[in-house]
Amino acid sequence: MCQFVPCEVVEVKDQWALISTHAHNHRGYLGLLKNVKTGDYLLVHGDMAINKIDRDEAETVLRLTCA
């Protein structure tokens, strides 16, 4: 079963973002999304950013899944 966890954008460089979740950093490809900036939260599957979500929703999901 696949599960998406919100990742915070730390840095944007061209079509890639450095993203952070659970104190783990990795890259996410931004080709499907527009106007991604530092501080945004993304749903990422593998290395592909699928959707951008608002901070409140991301914090709620993280609180429920990481408790």
PDB file of N, CA and C in Angstrom:
ATOM      1  N   MET A   1       0.841  -1.178   0.000  1.00  0.00           N
ATOM      2  CA  MET A   1       0.000   0.000   0.000  1.00  0.00           C
ATOM      3  C   MET A   1       0.880   1.233   0.000  1.00  0.00           C
ATOM      4  N   CYS A   2       0.582   2.171  -0.868  1.00  0.00           N
ATOM      5  CA  CYS A   2       1.338   3.422  -0.946  1.00  0.00           C
ATOM      6  C   CYS A   2       0.723   4.447  -0.007  1.00  0.00           C
ATOM      7  N   GLN A   3       1.582   5.227   0.616  1.00  0.00           N
ATOM      8  CA  GLN A   3       1.111   6.268   1.515  1.00  0.00           C
ATOM      9  C   GLN A   3       1.899   7.527   1.235  1.00  0.00           C
ATOM     10  N   PHE A   4       1.196   8.635   1.155  1.00  0.00           N
ATOM     11  CA  PHE A   4       1.837   9.927   0.966  1.00  0.00           C
ATOM     12  C   PHE A   4       1.992  10.593   2.325  1.00  0.00           C
ATOM     13  N   VAL A   5       3.130  11.195   2.548  1.00  0.00           N
ATOM     14  CA  VAL A   5       3.373  11.971   3.754  1.00  0.00           C
ATOM     15  C   VAL A   5       3.777  13.369   3.307  1.00  0.00           C
ATOM     16  N   PRO A   6       3.195  14.407   3.900  1.00  0.00           N
ATOM     17  CA  PRO A   6       3.572  15.769   3.506  1.00  0.00           C
ATOM     18  C   PRO A   6       5.058  16.022   3.748  1.00  0.00           C
ATOM     19  N   CYS A   7       5.681  16.659   2.772  1.00  0.00           N
ATOM     20  CA  CYS A   7       7.093  17.027   2.845  1.00  0.00           C
ATOM     21  C   CYS A   7       7.207  18.535   2.703  1.00  0.00           C
ATOM     22  N   GLU A   8       8.042  19.152   3.512  1.00  0.00           N
ATOM     23  CA  GLU A   8       8.243  20.606   3.423  1.00  0.00           C
ATOM     24  C   GLU A   8       9.381  20.912   2.455  1.00  0.00           C
ATOM     25  N   VAL A   9       9.165  21.915   1.610  1.00  0.00           N
ATOM     26  CA  VAL A   9      10.177  22.343   0.650  1.00  0.00           C
ATOM     27  C   VAL A   9      11.223  23.181   1.379  1.00  0.00           C
ATOM     28  N   VAL A  10      12.472  22.737   1.303  1.00  0.00           N
ATOM     29  CA  VAL A  10      13.594  23.424   1.928  1.00  0.00           C
ATOM     30  C   VAL A  10      14.269  24.354   0.924  1.00  0.00           C
ATOM     31  N   GLU A  11      14.343  23.908  -0.336  1.00  0.00           N
ATOM     32  CA  GLU A  11      15.037  24.675  -1.382  1.00  0.00           C
ATOM     33  C   GLU A  11      14.490  24.258  -2.734  1.00  0.00           C
ATOM     34  N   VAL A  12      14.378  25.218  -3.648  1.00  0.00           N
ATOM     35  CA  VAL A  12      13.943  24.936  -5.016  1.00  0.00           C
ATOM     36  C   VAL A  12      15.082  25.278  -5.958  1.00  0.00           C
ATOM     37  N   LYS A  13      15.385  24.342  -6.861  1.00  0.00           N
ATOM     38  CA  LYS A  13      16.450  24.553  -7.835  1.00  0.00           C
ATOM     39  C   LYS A  13      15.992  23.951  -9.155  1.00  0.00           C
ATOM     40  N   ASP A  14      15.693  24.810 -10.115  1.00  0.00           N
ATOM     41  CA  ASP A  14      15.178  24.393 -11.418  1.00  0.00           C
ATOM     42  C   ASP A  14      13.888  23.585 -11.227  1.00  0.00           C
ATOM     43  N   GLN A  15      13.836  22.368 -11.734  1.00  0.00           N
ATOM     44  CA  GLN A  15      12.645  21.517 -11.630  1.00  0.00           C
ATOM     45  C   GLN A  15      12.699  20.557 -10.445  1.00  0.00           C
ATOM     46  N   TRP A  16      13.628  20.780  -9.530  1.00  0.00           N
ATOM     47  CA  TRP A  16      13.797  19.895  -8.376  1.00  0.00           C
ATOM     48  C   TRP A  16      13.714  20.688  -7.079  1.00  0.00           C
ATOM     49  N   ALA A  17      13.233  20.028  -6.038  1.00  0.00           N
ATOM     50  CA  ALA A  17      13.189  20.644  -4.716  1.00  0.00           C
ATOM     51  C   ALA A  17      13.889  19.733  -3.721  1.00  0.00           C
ATOM     52  N   LEU A  18      14.577  20.342  -2.776  1.00  0.00           N
ATOM     53  CA  LEU A  18      15.063  19.617  -1.617  1.00  0.00           C
ATOM     54  C   LEU A  18      13.905  19.640  -0.632  1.00  0.00           C
ATOM     55  N   ILE A  19      13.435  18.464  -0.227  1.00  0.00           N
ATOM     56  CA  ILE A  19      12.272  18.370   0.641  1.00  0.00           C
ATOM     57  C   ILE A  19      12.628  17.621   1.917  1.00  0.00           C
ATOM     58  N   SER A  20      11.917  17.951   2.983  1.00  0.00           N
ATOM     59  CA  SER A  20      12.222  17.383   4.288  1.00  0.00           C
ATOM     60  C   SER A  20      10.969  16.778   4.901  1.00  0.00           C
ATOM     61  N   THR A  21      11.121  15.585   5.459  1.00  0.00           N
ATOM     62  CA  THR A  21      10.063  14.953   6.227  1.00  0.00           C
ATOM     63  C   THR A  21      10.699  14.084   7.298  1.00  0.00           C
ATOM     64  N   HIS A  22      10.208  14.185   8.506  1.00  0.00           N
ATOM     65  CA  HIS A  22      10.729  13.391   9.625  1.00  0.00           C
ATOM     66  C   HIS A  22      12.251  13.520   9.747  1.00  0.00           C
ATOM     67  N   ALA A  23      12.770  14.714   9.587  1.00  0.00           N
ATOM     68  CA  ALA A  23      14.214  14.976   9.696  1.00  0.00           C
ATOM     69  C   ALA A  23      15.029  14.228   8.645  1.00  0.00           C
ATOM     70  N   HIS A  24      14.400  13.870   7.539  1.00  0.00           N
ATOM     71  CA  HIS A  24      15.077  13.208   6.429  1.00  0.00           C
ATOM     72  C   HIS A  24      14.919  14.088   5.194  1.00  0.00           C
ATOM     73  N   ASN A  25      16.011  14.419   4.532  1.00  0.00           N
ATOM     74  CA  ASN A  25      15.963  15.240   3.325  1.00  0.00           C
ATOM     75  C   ASN A  25      16.157  14.388   2.084  1.00  0.00           C
ATOM     76  N   HIS A  26      15.417  14.716   1.023  1.00  0.00           N
ATOM     77  CA  HIS A  26      15.613  14.070  -0.271  1.00  0.00           C
ATOM     78  C   HIS A  26      15.094  14.995  -1.359  1.00  0.00           C
ATOM     79  N   ARG A  27      15.213  14.568  -2.611  1.00  0.00           N
ATOM     80  CA  ARG A  27      14.811  15.405  -3.736  1.00  0.00           C
ATOM     81  C   ARG A  27      13.436  15.009  -4.238  1.00  0.00           C
ATOM     82  N   GLY A  28      12.737  16.001  -4.767  1.00  0.00           N
ATOM     83  CA  GLY A  28      11.449  15.738  -5.395  1.00  0.00           C
ATOM     84  C   GLY A  28      11.367  16.509  -6.709  1.00  0.00           C
ATOM     85  N   TYR A  29      10.917  15.847  -7.755  1.00  0.00           N
ATOM     86  CA  TYR A  29      10.778  16.469  -9.071  1.00  0.00           C
ATOM     87  C   TYR A  29       9.495  17.298  -9.111  1.00  0.00           C
ATOM     88  N   LEU A  30       9.582  18.524  -9.608  1.00  0.00           N
ATOM     89  CA  LEU A  30       8.474  19.475  -9.580  1.00  0.00           C
ATOM     90  C   LEU A  30       7.773  19.654 -10.918  1.00  0.00           C
ATOM     91  N   GLY A  31       8.021  18.795 -11.883  1.00  0.00           N
ATOM     92  CA  GLY A  31       7.494  18.968 -13.238  1.00  0.00           C
ATOM     93  C   GLY A  31       5.982  19.045 -13.348  1.00  0.00           C
ATOM     94  N   LEU A  32       5.240  18.495 -12.386  1.00  0.00           N
ATOM     95  CA  LEU A  32       3.778  18.518 -12.439  1.00  0.00           C
ATOM     96  C   LEU A  32       3.159  19.723 -11.741  1.00  0.00           C
ATOM     97  N   LEU A  33       3.969  20.483 -11.007  1.00  0.00           N
ATOM     98  CA  LEU A  33       3.440  21.571 -10.187  1.00  0.00           C
ATOM     99  C   LEU A  33       3.983  22.923 -10.628  1.00  0.00           C
ATOM    100  N   LYS A  34       3.230  23.975 -10.311  1.00  0.00           N
ATOM    101  CA  LYS A  34       3.649  25.340 -10.630  1.00  0.00           C
ATOM    102  C   LYS A  34       3.801  26.145  -9.346  1.00  0.00           C
ATOM    103  N   ASN A  35       4.674  27.122  -9.397  1.00  0.00           N
ATOM    104  CA  ASN A  35       4.846  28.100  -8.319  1.00  0.00           C
ATOM    105  C   ASN A  35       5.165  27.472  -6.966  1.00  0.00           C
ATOM    106  N   VAL A  36       6.033  26.484  -6.949  1.00  0.00           N
ATOM    107  CA  VAL A  36       6.470  25.882  -5.691  1.00  0.00           C
ATOM    108  C   VAL A  36       7.583  26.738  -5.113  1.00  0.00           C
ATOM    109  N   LYS A  37       7.481  27.020  -3.804  1.00  0.00           N
ATOM    110  CA  LYS A  37       8.502  27.848  -3.161  1.00  0.00           C
ATOM    111  C   LYS A  37       8.882  27.256  -1.806  1.00  0.00           C
ATOM    112  N   THR A  38       9.973  27.737  -1.267  1.00  0.00           N
ATOM    113  CA  THR A  38      10.442  27.302   0.038  1.00  0.00           C
ATOM    114  C   THR A  38       9.333  27.494   1.075  1.00  0.00           C
ATOM    115  N   GLY A  39       9.126  26.469   1.910  1.00  0.00           N
ATOM    116  CA  GLY A  39       8.095  26.529   2.942  1.00  0.00           C
ATOM    117  C   GLY A  39       6.795  25.865   2.548  1.00  0.00           C
ATOM    118  N   ASP A  40       6.599  25.610   1.244  1.00  0.00           N
ATOM    119  CA  ASP A  40       5.400  24.903   0.794  1.00  0.00           C
ATOM    120  C   ASP A  40       5.461  23.452   1.264  1.00  0.00           C
ATOM    121  N   TYR A  41       4.294  22.823   1.342  1.00  0.00           N
ATOM    122  CA  TYR A  41       4.209  21.398   1.649  1.00  0.00           C
ATOM    123  C   TYR A  41       3.712  20.658   0.421  1.00  0.00           C
ATOM    124  N   LEU A  42       4.361  19.533   0.126  1.00  0.00           N
ATOM    125  CA  LEU A  42       4.040  18.739  -1.048  1.00  0.00           C
ATOM    126  C   LEU A  42       3.725  17.303  -0.643  1.00  0.00           C
ATOM    127  N   LEU A  43       2.882  16.667  -1.447  1.00  0.00           N
ATOM    128  CA  LEU A  43       2.723  15.222  -1.361  1.00  0.00           C
ATOM    129  C   LEU A  43       3.620  14.647  -2.438  1.00  0.00           C
ATOM    130  N   VAL A  44       4.510  13.756  -2.051  1.00  0.00           N
ATOM    131  CA  VAL A  44       5.527  13.215  -2.950  1.00  0.00           C
ATOM    132  C   VAL A  44       5.429  11.697  -2.965  1.00  0.00           C
ATOM    133  N   HIS A  45       5.491  11.130  -4.160  1.00  0.00           N
ATOM    134  CA  HIS A  45       5.513   9.670  -4.322  1.00  0.00           C
ATOM    135  C   HIS A  45       6.785   9.317  -5.071  1.00  0.00           C
ATOM    136  N   GLY A  46       7.643   8.542  -4.446  1.00  0.00           N
ATOM    137  CA  GLY A  46       8.960   8.296  -5.036  1.00  0.00           C
ATOM    138  C   GLY A  46       9.714   9.611  -5.058  1.00  0.00           C
ATOM    139  N   ASP A  47      10.121  10.042  -6.223  1.00  0.00           N
ATOM    140  CA  ASP A  47      10.778  11.340  -6.379  1.00  0.00           C
ATOM    141  C   ASP A  47       9.881  12.360  -7.074  1.00  0.00           C
ATOM    142  N   MET A  48       8.599  12.065  -7.247  1.00  0.00           N
ATOM    143  CA  MET A  48       7.685  12.922  -8.004  1.00  0.00           C
ATOM    144  C   MET A  48       6.744  13.670  -7.070  1.00  0.00           C
ATOM    145  N   ALA A  49       6.801  15.006  -7.102  1.00  0.00           N
ATOM    146  CA  ALA A  49       5.853  15.823  -6.345  1.00  0.00           C
ATOM    147  C   ALA A  49       4.513  15.777  -7.080  1.00  0.00           C
ATOM    148  N   ILE A  50       3.475  15.321  -6.380  1.00  0.00           N
ATOM    149  CA  ILE A  50       2.166  15.092  -6.983  1.00  0.00           C
ATOM    150  C   ILE A  50       1.221  16.257  -6.754  1.00  0.00           C
ATOM    151  N   ASN A  51       1.269  16.855  -5.552  1.00  0.00           N
ATOM    152  CA  ASN A  51       0.305  17.892  -5.208  1.00  0.00           C
ATOM    153  C   ASN A  51       0.880  18.796  -4.131  1.00  0.00           C
ATOM    154  N   LYS A  52       0.418  20.034  -4.108  1.00  0.00           N
ATOM    155  CA  LYS A  52       0.787  20.974  -3.060  1.00  0.00           C
ATOM    156  C   LYS A  52      -0.401  21.076  -2.100  1.00  0.00           C
ATOM    157  N   ILE A  53      -0.136  21.047  -0.781  1.00  0.00           N
ATOM    158  CA  ILE A  53      -1.208  21.176   0.195  1.00  0.00           C
ATOM    159  C   ILE A  53      -0.892  22.318   1.152  1.00  0.00           C
ATOM    160  N   ASP A  54      -1.921  22.838   1.813  1.00  0.00           N
ATOM    161  CA  ASP A  54      -1.674  23.971   2.711  1.00  0.00           C
ATOM    162  C   ASP A  54      -1.060  23.501   4.026  1.00  0.00           C
ATOM    163  N   ARG A  55      -0.438  24.426   4.706  1.00  0.00           N
ATOM    164  CA  ARG A  55       0.314  24.142   5.933  1.00  0.00           C
ATOM    165  C   ARG A  55      -0.561  23.493   7.011  1.00  0.00           C
ATOM    166  N   ASP A  56      -1.784  23.994   7.217  1.00  0.00           N
ATOM    167  CA  ASP A  56      -2.665  23.440   8.253  1.00  0.00           C
ATOM    168  C   ASP A  56      -2.978  21.969   7.997  1.00  0.00           C
ATOM    169  N   GLU A  57      -3.284  21.639   6.744  1.00  0.00           N
ATOM    170  CA  GLU A  57      -3.578  20.243   6.392  1.00  0.00           C
ATOM    171  C   GLU A  57      -2.337  19.369   6.598  1.00  0.00           C
ATOM    172  N   ALA A  58      -1.181  19.871   6.159  1.00  0.00           N
ATOM    173  CA  ALA A  58       0.065  19.116   6.314  1.00  0.00           C
ATOM    174  C   ALA A  58       0.363  18.855   7.788  1.00  0.00           C
ATOM    175  N   GLU A  59       0.217  19.872   8.624  1.00  0.00           N
ATOM    176  CA  GLU A  59       0.498  19.713  10.051  1.00  0.00           C
ATOM    177  C   GLU A  59      -0.470  18.732  10.706  1.00  0.00           C
ATOM    178  N   THR A  60      -1.737  18.754  10.287  1.00  0.00           N
ATOM    179  CA  THR A  60      -2.717  17.809  10.817  1.00  0.00           C
ATOM    180  C   THR A  60      -2.337  16.379  10.448  1.00  0.00           C
ATOM    181  N   VAL A  61      -2.010  16.156   9.186  1.00  0.00           N
ATOM    182  CA  VAL A  61      -1.623  14.809   8.738  1.00  0.00           C
ATOM    183  C   VAL A  61      -0.365  14.343   9.466  1.00  0.00           C
ATOM    184  N   LEU A  62       0.623  15.213   9.581  1.00  0.00           N
ATOM    185  CA  LEU A  62       1.864  14.833  10.260  1.00  0.00           C
ATOM    186  C   LEU A  62       1.619  14.526  11.735  1.00  0.00           C
ATOM    187  N   ARG A  63       0.772  15.298  12.374  1.00  0.00           N
ATOM    188  CA  ARG A  63       0.459  15.061  13.783  1.00  0.00           C
ATOM    189  C   ARG A  63      -0.221  13.696  13.965  1.00  0.00           C
ATOM    190  N   LEU A  64      -1.113  13.345  13.049  1.00  0.00           N
ATOM    191  CA  LEU A  64      -1.844  12.077  13.147  1.00  0.00           C
ATOM    192  C   LEU A  64      -0.979  10.868  12.786  1.00  0.00           C
ATOM    193  N   THR A  65      -0.078  11.033  11.826  1.00  0.00           N
ATOM    194  CA  THR A  65       0.702   9.890  11.349  1.00  0.00           C
ATOM    195  C   THR A  65       2.018   9.716  12.106  1.00  0.00           C
ATOM    196  N   CYS A  66       2.475  10.742  12.781  1.00  0.00           N
ATOM    197  CA  CYS A  66       3.785  10.672  13.437  1.00  0.00           C
ATOM    198  C   CYS A  66       3.668  10.676  14.947  1.00  0.00           C
ATOM    199  N   ALA A  67       2.495  10.516  15.449  1.00  0.00           N
ATOM    200  CA  ALA A  67       2.302  10.564  16.913  1.00  0.00           C
ATOM    201  C   ALA A  67       2.846   9.330  17.586  1.00  0.00           C
TER     202      ALA A  67
END
